[in-house]
Amino acid sequence: ASDGSWRWYLERGRIVDWHGDGRPRRMVGIQTDITERRANEERVAQAVSRLERIARHVPGVLYQFEMLPDLSSRFSYVSERIRDLFGVDPAAMMRDAGVIFGIIVPEDRQGVVDSVLASSQTLAEWRQEFRIRHADGNQRWILGTSTPQLEGDGRIVWHGYLQDTTALRE
């Protein structure tokens, strides 16, 4: 730019006329200054990176869980500590929310499902203690708490925390 700063541009165009030998003769297009958009994307990336660095030091698991109006669900965010607490890869859990339900002990599974559904209907805080079977074969007690929020598109998003309460129970 004239002030010495760099600008980001998005260019789009197409050829509208060709020479007889196949070379382009005339084209039309548009250039859009996307500098502000790129700056916003960079700020978001920095905020996410900061959250990840902080979340690594939290003893439990930070998460964001979403339920769509058709009752399908997914984890849109799971902190890296899920690996230690549950023995599950965070990316696998974000791809398939059913992963967590597969490691909840069968006797506790329906209670967790029912409590999530109840929280979705009343938008009250979700709080549930349940047992899981860790990947190392040991059983652990987990306390989950989260706050639901109804979004404009009908989704319900819970922002929450999972912690290992096995030592407290013992």
Protein backbone atom coordinates (compact mmCIF):
# COMPACT_ATOMS: atom_id res chain seq x y z
CA ALA A 1 0.00 0.00 0.00
CA SER A 2 1.11 3.62 -0.36
CA ASP A 3 1.75 3.84 3.40
CA GLY A 4 4.23 0.95 3.19
CA SER A 5 1.93 -1.67 4.74
CA TRP A 6 1.08 -4.97 3.07
CA ARG A 7 -2.47 -5.73 1.94
CA TRP A 8 -4.11 -9.06 1.17
CA TYR A 9 -6.22 -9.31 -1.98
CA LEU A 10 -8.47 -12.00 -3.36
CA GLU A 11 -8.58 -12.02 -7.13
CA ARG A 12 -11.25 -13.72 -9.20
CA GLY A 13 -11.49 -13.63 -12.94
CA ARG A 14 -12.29 -15.50 -16.09
CA ILE A 15 -11.44 -15.37 -19.72
CA VAL A 16 -14.31 -14.07 -21.86
CA ASP A 17 -12.67 -13.92 -25.29
CA TRP A 18 -10.01 -16.08 -26.98
CA HIS A 19 -7.68 -15.62 -29.94
CA GLY A 20 -8.08 -18.08 -32.77
CA ASP A 21 -4.95 -19.96 -31.64
CA GLY A 22 -6.38 -20.50 -28.13
CA ARG A 23 -4.60 -17.72 -26.30
CA PRO A 24 -6.70 -15.52 -24.01
CA ARG A 25 -7.68 -12.20 -25.60
CA ARG A 26 -9.81 -10.55 -22.89
CA MET A 27 -10.72 -11.33 -19.33
CA VAL A 28 -12.84 -9.79 -16.61
CA GLY A 29 -12.37 -10.01 -12.90
CA ILE A 30 -12.52 -8.41 -9.54
CA GLN A 31 -10.04 -7.77 -6.75
CA THR A 32 -11.25 -7.65 -3.17
CA ASP A 33 -9.20 -6.31 -0.27
CA ILE A 34 -9.36 -9.06 2.38
CA THR A 35 -6.75 -7.62 4.73
CA GLU A 36 -9.23 -7.10 7.55
CA ARG A 37 -10.64 -10.63 7.15
CA ARG A 38 -7.12 -12.10 7.27
CA ALA A 39 -6.37 -10.08 10.42
CA ASN A 40 -9.56 -11.42 12.05
CA GLU A 41 -8.64 -14.98 11.08
CA GLU A 42 -5.20 -14.49 12.62
CA ARG A 43 -6.74 -13.15 15.87
CA VAL A 44 -9.05 -16.19 16.04
CA ALA A 45 -6.14 -18.58 15.41
CA GLN A 46 -4.14 -16.90 18.19
CA ALA A 47 -7.08 -17.13 20.61
CA VAL A 48 -7.56 -20.83 19.85
CA SER A 49 -3.85 -21.46 20.32
CA ARG A 50 -3.93 -19.60 23.64
CA LEU A 51 -6.92 -21.66 24.81
CA GLU A 52 -5.13 -24.88 23.85
CA ARG A 53 -2.02 -23.90 25.79
CA ILE A 54 -4.10 -23.03 28.88
CA ALA A 55 -6.26 -26.16 28.61
CA ARG A 56 -3.15 -28.38 28.69
CA HIS A 57 -2.63 -27.32 32.31
CA VAL A 58 -6.18 -27.86 33.53
CA PRO A 59 -6.38 -31.21 35.37
CA GLY A 60 -9.71 -32.18 33.81
CA VAL A 61 -11.22 -31.95 30.35
CA LEU A 62 -12.70 -28.78 28.88
CA TYR A 63 -15.28 -29.41 26.18
CA GLN A 64 -18.02 -28.01 24.02
CA PHE A 65 -20.88 -30.39 23.17
CA GLU A 66 -23.61 -29.61 20.65
CA MET A 67 -27.04 -31.15 20.14
CA LEU A 68 -28.94 -30.38 16.95
CA PRO A 69 -32.75 -30.13 16.79
CA ASP A 70 -32.85 -33.68 15.30
CA LEU A 71 -31.07 -34.85 18.53
CA SER A 72 -27.85 -35.72 16.72
CA SER A 73 -24.84 -34.55 18.69
CA ARG A 74 -21.14 -33.89 18.48
CA PHE A 75 -18.21 -32.55 20.46
CA SER A 76 -17.05 -29.40 18.69
CA TYR A 77 -14.16 -29.05 21.14
CA VAL A 78 -12.42 -31.43 23.53
CA SER A 79 -9.19 -30.50 25.29
CA GLU A 80 -6.11 -32.62 24.94
CA ARG A 81 -6.50 -33.90 28.54
CA ILE A 82 -9.21 -36.32 27.32
CA ARG A 83 -6.31 -38.56 26.35
CA ASP A 84 -5.18 -38.86 30.00
CA LEU A 85 -8.59 -38.91 31.64
CA PHE A 86 -10.41 -41.25 29.25
CA GLY A 87 -7.66 -42.82 27.17
CA VAL A 88 -9.34 -41.44 24.03
CA ASP A 89 -7.90 -39.39 21.18
CA PRO A 90 -9.52 -35.92 21.11
CA ALA A 91 -9.87 -35.97 17.31
CA ALA A 92 -11.68 -39.32 17.47
CA MET A 93 -14.09 -37.94 20.04
CA MET A 94 -14.79 -34.86 17.92
CA ARG A 95 -15.43 -37.07 14.87
CA ASP A 96 -17.82 -39.35 16.77
CA ALA A 97 -19.56 -38.33 20.02
CA GLY A 98 -20.53 -41.97 20.48
CA VAL A 99 -16.95 -42.75 21.48
CA ILE A 100 -17.60 -41.43 24.99
CA PHE A 101 -20.83 -43.38 25.35
CA GLY A 102 -18.97 -46.54 24.38
CA ILE A 103 -16.66 -46.25 27.40
CA ILE A 104 -19.30 -45.31 29.97
CA VAL A 105 -20.08 -48.44 31.97
CA PRO A 106 -23.39 -49.91 30.75
CA GLU A 107 -25.13 -49.42 34.12
CA ASP A 108 -24.50 -45.65 33.98
CA ARG A 109 -24.99 -45.01 30.25
CA GLN A 110 -28.76 -44.45 30.23
CA GLY A 111 -28.53 -42.11 33.21
CA VAL A 112 -26.05 -39.93 31.33
CA VAL A 113 -28.24 -39.88 28.21
CA ASP A 114 -31.36 -39.06 30.25
CA SER A 115 -29.60 -36.27 32.15
CA VAL A 116 -28.34 -34.65 28.91
CA LEU A 117 -31.84 -34.82 27.41
CA ALA A 118 -33.34 -33.30 30.57
CA SER A 119 -30.78 -30.48 30.48
CA SER A 120 -31.61 -29.86 26.81
CA GLN A 121 -35.30 -29.47 27.63
CA THR A 122 -34.94 -27.19 30.66
CA LEU A 123 -31.63 -25.53 29.75
CA ALA A 124 -30.58 -26.17 33.34
CA GLU A 125 -26.98 -26.89 34.26
CA TRP A 126 -25.96 -30.46 33.44
CA ARG A 127 -24.27 -32.26 36.31
CA GLN A 128 -23.77 -36.02 36.33
CA GLU A 129 -21.40 -38.46 37.93
CA PHE A 130 -20.75 -41.70 36.09
CA ARG A 131 -18.20 -44.44 35.64
CA ILE A 132 -16.04 -45.11 32.60
CA ARG A 133 -13.79 -47.96 31.58
CA HIS A 134 -10.44 -46.31 30.77
CA ALA A 135 -8.34 -47.65 27.90
CA ASP A 136 -5.93 -49.06 30.52
CA GLY A 137 -8.76 -51.31 31.77
CA ASN A 138 -9.36 -49.48 35.05
CA GLN A 139 -12.71 -48.07 36.04
CA ARG A 140 -12.83 -44.37 36.92
CA TRP A 141 -15.51 -42.09 38.33
CA ILE A 142 -16.11 -38.94 36.30
CA LEU A 143 -18.03 -35.82 37.30
CA GLY A 144 -19.32 -33.78 34.40
CA THR A 145 -20.72 -30.27 34.68
CA SER A 146 -21.72 -27.87 31.94
CA THR A 147 -23.96 -24.97 31.11
CA PRO A 148 -26.30 -25.23 28.11
CA GLN A 149 -26.99 -22.37 25.74
CA LEU A 150 -29.72 -22.32 23.08
CA GLU A 151 -28.41 -21.00 19.76
CA GLY A 152 -30.45 -19.14 17.15
CA ASP A 153 -30.39 -22.12 14.77
CA GLY A 154 -31.97 -24.44 17.37
CA ARG A 155 -28.74 -26.11 18.50
CA ILE A 156 -28.00 -26.43 22.17
CA VAL A 157 -24.35 -25.99 23.09
CA TRP A 158 -22.94 -27.06 26.44
CA HIS A 159 -19.65 -25.56 27.68
CA GLY A 160 -18.29 -27.84 30.32
CA TYR A 161 -15.71 -29.66 32.37
CA LEU A 162 -15.09 -33.33 33.14
CA GLN A 163 -13.02 -34.34 36.15
CA ASP A 164 -11.81 -37.60 37.62
CA THR A 165 -13.40 -38.08 41.08
CA THR A 166 -12.14 -41.62 41.64
CA ALA A 167 -9.78 -40.61 44.47
CA LEU A 168 -12.55 -38.67 46.22
CA ARG A 169 -14.90 -41.67 46.03
CA GLU A 170 -12.26 -44.04 47.33
